[in-house]
Amino acid sequence: MKEQIDILIKLQKTETEIGSIKSVFSHVSAKTDRAEAGLAEFGQILEAEAAMADQLKKDYRSCEVNVRDNVSMIEKKEETLRTIRTNQEYQALLKEIEGLKKKNSQIEDEMLAYLSRIEESEKNIAAKKDELSNLKLQLSKEKEESAKEAEAGKRKLAELEFERNTVAKAADTNLLKRFMMVKDLKGGIGIVPVINAVCQGCNMNIPPQMYNDLHRCDSVKICPHCQRIIYWGKPEEADSEK
């Protein structure tokens, strides 16, 4: 029976290493996904900034058109002043001209404000484009490094899976089935040592008689608390797992 327990211990070690590599793969993939999502979000912010700058420029051009139209109207009204014969009509026309000039002054103030906002927006866009370029470069490098790590990880994973399958062939069929079932139910750990009468899977004390029986290793023992397969372990095993 000790031989079978040793097989399961070796199998558990291999399964744990396989799980660690797969966890790294998952972490790297999730990290890349988050980086790409962040990049896409940053791109959307840049597009929104560019759209705002375009709208400011349109508003500025609209103001330019209004100023030109008002200037044209002022010129026409000033020409008309020469033909006015009554003082009342002359004063009324002067008032219209002053109104147009005042309106143009207000529009020109708006145009100056637009120019300031356009300049600020274009600076932000230029800075964000540089930042976006750097982010893309960084992501490209990270992907390249991740690809190399993934390739090495795949080779190691293939070796471990081959080792697992080889070891599993030497295990008792029924014992292997129980081990795999418990492993799947208990977070990937199907067999654990008992050290100083404490199950290292659930940290619960096992019955004294069961602990004594573990020394003989003449039968399969199951932790009454977590249902994992257990075996007698040396204190140094607990230290090596810390």
C-alpha atoms as a PDB file:
ATOM      1  CA  MET A   1       0.000   0.000   0.000  1.00  0.00           C
ATOM      2  CA  LYS A   2       2.939   2.334   0.679  1.00  0.00           C
ATOM      3  CA  GLU A   3       3.878   2.038  -2.984  1.00  0.00           C
ATOM      4  CA  GLN A   4       0.401   3.166  -4.017  1.00  0.00           C
ATOM      5  CA  ILE A   5       0.476   6.079  -1.567  1.00  0.00           C
ATOM      6  CA  ASP A   6       3.866   7.122  -2.962  1.00  0.00           C
ATOM      7  CA  ILE A   7       2.372   7.034  -6.462  1.00  0.00           C
ATOM      8  CA  LEU A   8      -0.476   9.299  -5.379  1.00  0.00           C
ATOM      9  CA  ILE A   9       1.947  11.673  -3.637  1.00  0.00           C
ATOM     10  CA  LYS A  10       3.980  11.935  -6.821  1.00  0.00           C
ATOM     11  CA  LEU A  11       0.792  12.326  -8.841  1.00  0.00           C
ATOM     12  CA  GLN A  12      -0.385  15.113  -6.518  1.00  0.00           C
ATOM     13  CA  LYS A  13       2.917  16.937  -6.897  1.00  0.00           C
ATOM     14  CA  THR A  14       2.639  16.741 -10.680  1.00  0.00           C
ATOM     15  CA  GLU A  15      -1.002  17.858 -10.613  1.00  0.00           C
ATOM     16  CA  THR A  16      -0.069  20.819  -8.416  1.00  0.00           C
ATOM     17  CA  GLU A  17       2.692  21.881 -10.815  1.00  0.00           C
ATOM     18  CA  ILE A  18       0.291  21.560 -13.753  1.00  0.00           C
ATOM     19  CA  GLY A  19      -2.263  23.667 -11.895  1.00  0.00           C
ATOM     20  CA  SER A  20       0.367  26.322 -11.141  1.00  0.00           C
ATOM     21  CA  ILE A  21       1.370  26.602 -14.800  1.00  0.00           C
ATOM     22  CA  LYS A  22      -2.256  26.816 -15.920  1.00  0.00           C
ATOM     23  CA  SER A  23      -2.867  29.471 -13.272  1.00  0.00           C
ATOM     24  CA  VAL A  24       0.043  31.507 -14.659  1.00  0.00           C
ATOM     25  CA  PHE A  25      -1.408  31.143 -18.175  1.00  0.00           C
ATOM     26  CA  SER A  26      -4.775  32.364 -16.919  1.00  0.00           C
ATOM     27  CA  HIS A  27      -3.197  35.283 -15.039  1.00  0.00           C
ATOM     28  CA  VAL A  28      -1.160  36.372 -18.066  1.00  0.00           C
ATOM     29  CA  SER A  29      -4.200  36.109 -20.331  1.00  0.00           C
ATOM     30  CA  ALA A  30      -6.341  38.135 -17.918  1.00  0.00           C
ATOM     31  CA  LYS A  31      -3.583  40.749 -17.587  1.00  0.00           C
ATOM     32  CA  THR A  32      -3.339  41.077 -21.375  1.00  0.00           C
ATOM     33  CA  ASP A  33      -7.125  41.359 -21.673  1.00  0.00           C
ATOM     34  CA  ARG A  34      -7.180  44.133 -19.058  1.00  0.00           C
ATOM     35  CA  ALA A  35      -4.349  45.970 -20.827  1.00  0.00           C
ATOM     36  CA  GLU A  36      -6.129  45.752 -24.183  1.00  0.00           C
ATOM     37  CA  ALA A  37      -9.398  46.911 -22.613  1.00  0.00           C
ATOM     38  CA  GLY A  38      -7.569  49.840 -21.016  1.00  0.00           C
ATOM     39  CA  LEU A  39      -5.971  50.656 -24.356  1.00  0.00           C
ATOM     40  CA  ALA A  40      -9.349  50.614 -26.097  1.00  0.00           C
ATOM     41  CA  GLU A  41     -10.858  52.826 -23.394  1.00  0.00           C
ATOM     42  CA  PHE A  42      -7.943  55.268 -23.709  1.00  0.00           C
ATOM     43  CA  GLY A  43      -8.492  55.322 -27.483  1.00  0.00           C
ATOM     44  CA  GLN A  44     -12.148  56.208 -26.933  1.00  0.00           C
ATOM     45  CA  ILE A  45     -11.142  59.071 -24.622  1.00  0.00           C
ATOM     46  CA  LEU A  46      -8.778  60.333 -27.315  1.00  0.00           C
ATOM     47  CA  GLU A  47     -11.544  60.129 -29.934  1.00  0.00           C
ATOM     48  CA  ALA A  48     -13.888  62.069 -27.646  1.00  0.00           C
ATOM     49  CA  GLU A  49     -11.222  64.749 -27.145  1.00  0.00           C
ATOM     50  CA  ALA A  50     -10.664  64.973 -30.910  1.00  0.00           C
ATOM     51  CA  ALA A  51     -14.423  65.225 -31.517  1.00  0.00           C
ATOM     52  CA  MET A  52     -14.659  68.050 -28.989  1.00  0.00           C
ATOM     53  CA  ALA A  53     -11.770  69.882 -30.699  1.00  0.00           C
ATOM     54  CA  ASP A  54     -13.514  69.502 -34.066  1.00  0.00           C
ATOM     55  CA  GLN A  55     -16.722  70.929 -32.620  1.00  0.00           C
ATOM     56  CA  LEU A  56     -14.846  73.890 -31.136  1.00  0.00           C
ATOM     57  CA  LYS A  57     -13.298  74.594 -34.542  1.00  0.00           C
ATOM     58  CA  LYS A  58     -16.742  74.434 -36.178  1.00  0.00           C
ATOM     59  CA  ASP A  59     -18.121  76.847 -33.599  1.00  0.00           C
ATOM     60  CA  TYR A  60     -15.167  79.161 -34.208  1.00  0.00           C
ATOM     61  CA  ARG A  61     -15.747  79.085 -37.982  1.00  0.00           C
ATOM     62  CA  SER A  62     -19.437  79.791 -37.389  1.00  0.00           C
ATOM     63  CA  CYS A  63     -18.437  82.852 -35.372  1.00  0.00           C
ATOM     64  CA  GLU A  64     -16.169  83.974 -38.225  1.00  0.00           C
ATOM     65  CA  VAL A  65     -19.090  83.756 -40.643  1.00  0.00           C
ATOM     66  CA  ASN A  66     -21.311  85.763 -38.291  1.00  0.00           C
ATOM     67  CA  VAL A  67     -18.642  88.456 -37.907  1.00  0.00           C
ATOM     68  CA  ARG A  68     -18.200  88.727 -41.691  1.00  0.00           C
ATOM     69  CA  ASP A  69     -21.956  88.933 -42.213  1.00  0.00           C
ATOM     70  CA  ASN A  70     -22.238  91.644 -39.566  1.00  0.00           C
ATOM     71  CA  VAL A  71     -19.323  93.588 -41.063  1.00  0.00           C
ATOM     72  CA  SER A  72     -20.994  93.423 -44.450  1.00  0.00           C
ATOM     73  CA  MET A  73     -24.262  94.682 -42.954  1.00  0.00           C
ATOM     74  CA  ILE A  74     -22.418  97.485 -41.160  1.00  0.00           C
ATOM     75  CA  GLU A  75     -20.770  98.591 -44.408  1.00  0.00           C
ATOM     76  CA  LYS A  76     -24.100  98.618 -46.214  1.00  0.00           C
ATOM     77  CA  LYS A  77     -25.780 100.589 -43.443  1.00  0.00           C
ATOM     78  CA  GLU A  78     -22.896 103.077 -43.369  1.00  0.00           C
ATOM     79  CA  GLU A  79     -23.378 103.614 -47.108  1.00  0.00           C
ATOM     80  CA  THR A  80     -27.060 104.108 -46.471  1.00  0.00           C
ATOM     81  CA  LEU A  81     -26.241 106.827 -43.920  1.00  0.00           C
ATOM     82  CA  ARG A  82     -25.128 109.079 -46.782  1.00  0.00           C
ATOM     83  CA  THR A  83     -28.580 108.994 -48.312  1.00  0.00           C
ATOM     84  CA  ILE A  84     -30.531 109.607 -45.085  1.00  0.00           C
ATOM     85  CA  ARG A  85     -32.189 113.058 -44.983  1.00  0.00           C
ATOM     86  CA  THR A  86     -33.950 113.126 -41.627  1.00  0.00           C
ATOM     87  CA  ASN A  87     -32.142 113.173 -38.290  1.00  0.00           C
ATOM     88  CA  GLN A  88     -34.555 110.616 -36.841  1.00  0.00           C
ATOM     89  CA  GLU A  89     -33.751 108.053 -39.536  1.00  0.00           C
ATOM     90  CA  TYR A  90     -30.046 108.884 -39.233  1.00  0.00           C
ATOM     91  CA  GLN A  91     -30.027 108.283 -35.471  1.00  0.00           C
ATOM     92  CA  ALA A  92     -32.006 105.059 -35.852  1.00  0.00           C
ATOM     93  CA  LEU A  93     -29.552 103.737 -38.417  1.00  0.00           C
ATOM     94  CA  LEU A  94     -26.596 104.733 -36.265  1.00  0.00           C
ATOM     95  CA  LYS A  95     -28.147 102.773 -33.398  1.00  0.00           C
ATOM     96  CA  GLU A  96     -28.438  99.698 -35.626  1.00  0.00           C
ATOM     97  CA  ILE A  97     -24.806 100.044 -36.664  1.00  0.00           C
ATOM     98  CA  GLU A  98     -23.662 100.370 -33.044  1.00  0.00           C
ATOM     99  CA  GLY A  99     -25.735  97.307 -32.165  1.00  0.00           C
ATOM    100  CA  LEU A 100     -24.042  95.284 -34.903  1.00  0.00           C
ATOM    101  CA  LYS A 101     -20.596  96.483 -33.811  1.00  0.00           C
ATOM    102  CA  LYS A 102     -21.379  95.556 -30.185  1.00  0.00           C
ATOM    103  CA  LYS A 103     -22.605  92.158 -31.327  1.00  0.00           C
ATOM    104  CA  ASN A 104     -19.404  91.628 -33.309  1.00  0.00           C
ATOM    105  CA  SER A 105     -17.330  92.595 -30.275  1.00  0.00           C
ATOM    106  CA  GLN A 106     -19.128  89.949 -28.210  1.00  0.00           C
ATOM    107  CA  ILE A 107     -18.633  87.348 -30.947  1.00  0.00           C
ATOM    108  CA  GLU A 108     -14.927  88.198 -31.181  1.00  0.00           C
ATOM    109  CA  ASP A 109     -14.630  87.667 -27.417  1.00  0.00           C
ATOM    110  CA  GLU A 110     -16.247  84.264 -27.902  1.00  0.00           C
ATOM    111  CA  MET A 111     -13.788  83.524 -30.703  1.00  0.00           C
ATOM    112  CA  LEU A 112     -10.843  84.302 -28.417  1.00  0.00           C
ATOM    113  CA  ALA A 113     -12.293  81.907 -25.834  1.00  0.00           C
ATOM    114  CA  TYR A 114     -12.724  79.252 -28.531  1.00  0.00           C
ATOM    115  CA  LEU A 115      -9.106  79.710 -29.659  1.00  0.00           C
ATOM    116  CA  SER A 116      -7.900  79.224 -26.091  1.00  0.00           C
ATOM    117  CA  ARG A 117      -9.980  76.049 -25.672  1.00  0.00           C
ATOM    118  CA  ILE A 118      -8.897  74.733 -29.080  1.00  0.00           C
ATOM    119  CA  GLU A 119      -5.239  75.267 -28.206  1.00  0.00           C
ATOM    120  CA  GLU A 120      -5.669  73.511 -24.860  1.00  0.00           C
ATOM    121  CA  SER A 121      -7.574  70.642 -26.488  1.00  0.00           C
ATOM    122  CA  GLU A 122      -4.923  70.174 -29.172  1.00  0.00           C
ATOM    123  CA  LYS A 123      -2.209  70.041 -26.499  1.00  0.00           C
ATOM    124  CA  ASN A 124      -4.209  67.386 -24.642  1.00  0.00           C
ATOM    125  CA  ILE A 125      -4.679  65.413 -27.851  1.00  0.00           C
ATOM    126  CA  ALA A 126      -0.959  65.552 -28.659  1.00  0.00           C
ATOM    127  CA  ALA A 127      -0.081  64.394 -25.124  1.00  0.00           C
ATOM    128  CA  LYS A 128      -2.670  61.614 -25.236  1.00  0.00           C
ATOM    129  CA  LYS A 129      -1.430  60.451 -28.647  1.00  0.00           C
ATOM    130  CA  ASP A 130       2.085  60.159 -27.233  1.00  0.00           C
ATOM    131  CA  GLU A 131       0.758  58.294 -24.208  1.00  0.00           C
ATOM    132  CA  LEU A 132      -1.308  56.003 -26.424  1.00  0.00           C
ATOM    133  CA  SER A 133       1.737  55.281 -28.571  1.00  0.00           C
ATOM    134  CA  ASN A 134       3.758  54.400 -25.455  1.00  0.00           C
ATOM    135  CA  LEU A 135       0.963  52.181 -24.146  1.00  0.00           C
ATOM    136  CA  LYS A 136       0.778  50.325 -27.447  1.00  0.00           C
ATOM    137  CA  LEU A 137       4.547  49.828 -27.445  1.00  0.00           C
ATOM    138  CA  GLN A 138       4.468  48.599 -23.853  1.00  0.00           C
ATOM    139  CA  LEU A 139       1.614  46.199 -24.592  1.00  0.00           C
ATOM    140  CA  SER A 140       3.453  44.891 -27.653  1.00  0.00           C
ATOM    141  CA  LYS A 141       6.554  44.173 -25.548  1.00  0.00           C
ATOM    142  CA  GLU A 142       4.479  42.505 -22.834  1.00  0.00           C
ATOM    143  CA  LYS A 143       2.754  40.328 -25.421  1.00  0.00           C
ATOM    144  CA  GLU A 144       6.105  39.335 -26.893  1.00  0.00           C
ATOM    145  CA  GLU A 145       7.470  38.422 -23.454  1.00  0.00           C
ATOM    146  CA  SER A 146       4.245  36.594 -22.571  1.00  0.00           C
ATOM    147  CA  ALA A 147       4.434  34.626 -25.815  1.00  0.00           C
ATOM    148  CA  LYS A 148       7.960  33.462 -24.959  1.00  0.00           C
ATOM    149  CA  GLU A 149       6.898  32.530 -21.417  1.00  0.00           C
ATOM    150  CA  ALA A 150       3.825  30.765 -22.757  1.00  0.00           C
ATOM    151  CA  GLU A 151       5.912  28.723 -25.184  1.00  0.00           C
ATOM    152  CA  ALA A 152       8.244  27.617 -22.388  1.00  0.00           C
ATOM    153  CA  GLY A 153       5.228  26.954 -20.161  1.00  0.00           C
ATOM    154  CA  LYS A 154       3.556  24.822 -22.834  1.00  0.00           C
ATOM    155  CA  ARG A 155       6.665  22.684 -23.166  1.00  0.00           C
ATOM    156  CA  LYS A 156       6.856  22.232 -19.400  1.00  0.00           C
ATOM    157  CA  LEU A 157       3.125  21.529 -19.249  1.00  0.00           C
ATOM    158  CA  ALA A 158       3.452  18.839 -21.915  1.00  0.00           C
ATOM    159  CA  GLU A 159       6.280  17.215 -19.951  1.00  0.00           C
ATOM    160  CA  LEU A 160       4.261  17.284 -16.741  1.00  0.00           C
ATOM    161  CA  GLU A 161       1.140  15.894 -18.395  1.00  0.00           C
ATOM    162  CA  PHE A 162       3.195  13.066 -19.875  1.00  0.00           C
ATOM    163  CA  GLU A 163       4.672  12.398 -16.424  1.00  0.00           C
ATOM    164  CA  ARG A 164       1.207  12.515 -14.831  1.00  0.00           C
ATOM    165  CA  ASN A 165      -0.197  10.029 -17.329  1.00  0.00           C
ATOM    166  CA  THR A 166       2.790   7.727 -16.846  1.00  0.00           C
ATOM    167  CA  VAL A 167       2.484   7.824 -13.047  1.00  0.00           C
ATOM    168  CA  ALA A 168      -1.290   7.388 -13.185  1.00  0.00           C
ATOM    169  CA  LYS A 169      -0.899   4.114 -15.108  1.00  0.00           C
ATOM    170  CA  ALA A 170       0.903   2.605 -12.131  1.00  0.00           C
ATOM    171  CA  ALA A 171      -1.862   3.556  -9.676  1.00  0.00           C
ATOM    172  CA  ASP A 172      -4.610   1.249  -8.524  1.00  0.00           C
ATOM    173  CA  THR A 173      -7.686   1.982 -10.657  1.00  0.00           C
ATOM    174  CA  ASN A 174     -10.156   2.390  -7.779  1.00  0.00           C
ATOM    175  CA  LEU A 175      -7.709   4.376  -5.685  1.00  0.00           C
ATOM    176  CA  LEU A 176      -6.936   6.624  -8.630  1.00  0.00           C
ATOM    177  CA  LYS A 177     -10.641   7.245  -9.216  1.00  0.00           C
ATOM    178  CA  ARG A 178     -11.100   8.278  -5.591  1.00  0.00           C
ATOM    179  CA  PHE A 179      -8.039  10.493  -5.697  1.00  0.00           C
ATOM    180  CA  MET A 180      -9.230  12.282  -8.857  1.00  0.00           C
ATOM    181  CA  MET A 181     -12.749  12.733  -7.475  1.00  0.00           C
ATOM    182  CA  VAL A 182     -11.513  14.201  -4.174  1.00  0.00           C
ATOM    183  CA  LYS A 183      -8.959  16.369  -5.985  1.00  0.00           C
ATOM    184  CA  ASP A 184     -11.656  17.887  -8.181  1.00  0.00           C
ATOM    185  CA  LEU A 185     -13.919  18.504  -5.186  1.00  0.00           C
ATOM    186  CA  LYS A 186     -11.224  19.866  -2.884  1.00  0.00           C
ATOM    187  CA  GLY A 187      -9.489  22.580  -4.854  1.00  0.00           C
ATOM    188  CA  GLY A 188      -7.028  20.363  -6.669  1.00  0.00           C
ATOM    189  CA  ILE A 189      -5.665  18.597  -3.563  1.00  0.00           C
ATOM    190  CA  GLY A 190      -6.586  14.918  -3.258  1.00  0.00           C
ATOM    191  CA  ILE A 191      -3.906  13.610  -0.878  1.00  0.00           C
ATOM    192  CA  VAL A 192      -2.193  15.366   2.035  1.00  0.00           C
ATOM    193  CA  PRO A 193       0.171  14.440   4.848  1.00  0.00           C
ATOM    194  CA  VAL A 194      -0.852  14.272   8.483  1.00  0.00           C
ATOM    195  CA  ILE A 195       1.796  15.897  10.661  1.00  0.00           C
ATOM    196  CA  ASN A 196       1.662  15.731  14.455  1.00  0.00           C
ATOM    197  CA  ALA A 197      -1.863  14.313  14.136  1.00  0.00           C
ATOM    198  CA  VAL A 198      -3.036  17.349  12.130  1.00  0.00           C
ATOM    199  CA  CYS A 199      -4.400  16.955   8.590  1.00  0.00           C
ATOM    200  CA  GLN A 200      -2.516  19.411   6.375  1.00  0.00           C
ATOM    201  CA  GLY A 201      -5.545  19.712   4.104  1.00  0.00           C
ATOM    202  CA  CYS A 202      -8.064  21.044   6.631  1.00  0.00           C
ATOM    203  CA  ASN A 203      -5.837  21.672   9.712  1.00  0.00           C
ATOM    204  CA  MET A 204      -8.044  19.462  11.851  1.00  0.00           C
ATOM    205  CA  ASN A 205      -6.851  16.802  14.294  1.00  0.00           C
ATOM    206  CA  ILE A 206      -7.519  13.243  13.264  1.00  0.00           C
ATOM    207  CA  PRO A 207      -8.421  10.511  15.789  1.00  0.00           C
ATOM    208  CA  PRO A 208      -5.393   9.148  17.709  1.00  0.00           C
ATOM    209  CA  GLN A 209      -5.963   5.575  16.568  1.00  0.00           C
ATOM    210  CA  MET A 210      -6.131   6.629  12.915  1.00  0.00           C
ATOM    211  CA  TYR A 211      -2.896   8.583  13.362  1.00  0.00           C
ATOM    212  CA  ASN A 212      -1.218   5.506  14.819  1.00  0.00           C
ATOM    213  CA  ASP A 213      -2.509   3.387  11.921  1.00  0.00           C
ATOM    214  CA  LEU A 214      -0.943   5.821   9.435  1.00  0.00           C
ATOM    215  CA  HIS A 215       2.516   4.768  10.622  1.00  0.00           C
ATOM    216  CA  ARG A 216       1.945   1.250   9.369  1.00  0.00           C
ATOM    217  CA  CYS A 217       0.724   2.423   5.963  1.00  0.00           C
ATOM    218  CA  ASP A 218      -1.055  -0.877   5.382  1.00  0.00           C
ATOM    219  CA  SER A 219      -4.358   0.608   4.199  1.00  0.00           C
ATOM    220  CA  VAL A 220      -5.816   3.745   2.673  1.00  0.00           C
ATOM    221  CA  LYS A 221      -6.919   6.299   5.249  1.00  0.00           C
ATOM    222  CA  ILE A 222      -9.354   9.151   4.687  1.00  0.00           C
ATOM    223  CA  CYS A 223      -9.500  12.334   6.736  1.00  0.00           C
ATOM    224  CA  PRO A 224     -12.856  12.237   8.578  1.00  0.00           C
ATOM    225  CA  HIS A 225     -13.135  16.014   8.233  1.00  0.00           C
ATOM    226  CA  CYS A 226     -12.159  16.932   4.652  1.00  0.00           C
ATOM    227  CA  GLN A 227     -12.392  13.462   3.056  1.00  0.00           C
ATOM    228  CA  ARG A 228      -8.961  13.726   1.462  1.00  0.00           C
ATOM    229  CA  ILE A 229      -6.649  10.732   1.308  1.00  0.00           C
ATOM    230  CA  ILE A 230      -4.073  11.092   4.083  1.00  0.00           C
ATOM    231  CA  TYR A 231      -0.662   9.633   4.868  1.00  0.00           C
ATOM    232  CA  TRP A 232       1.849   9.929   7.673  1.00  0.00           C
ATOM    233  CA  GLY A 233       4.086  12.914   7.072  1.00  0.00           C
ATOM    234  CA  LYS A 234       7.296  14.141   8.652  1.00  0.00           C
ATOM    235  CA  PRO A 235       7.386  17.573  10.376  1.00  0.00           C
ATOM    236  CA  GLU A 236       9.882  18.872   7.782  1.00  0.00           C
ATOM    237  CA  GLU A 237       7.211  18.417   5.088  1.00  0.00           C
ATOM    238  CA  ALA A 238       5.155  21.170   6.723  1.00  0.00           C
ATOM    239  CA  ASP A 239       8.214  23.478   6.749  1.00  0.00           C
ATOM    240  CA  SER A 240       8.933  22.817   3.049  1.00  0.00           C
ATOM    241  CA  GLU A 241       5.404  23.864   2.104  1.00  0.00           C
ATOM    242  CA  LYS A 242       5.652  27.255   3.859  1.00  0.00           C
END
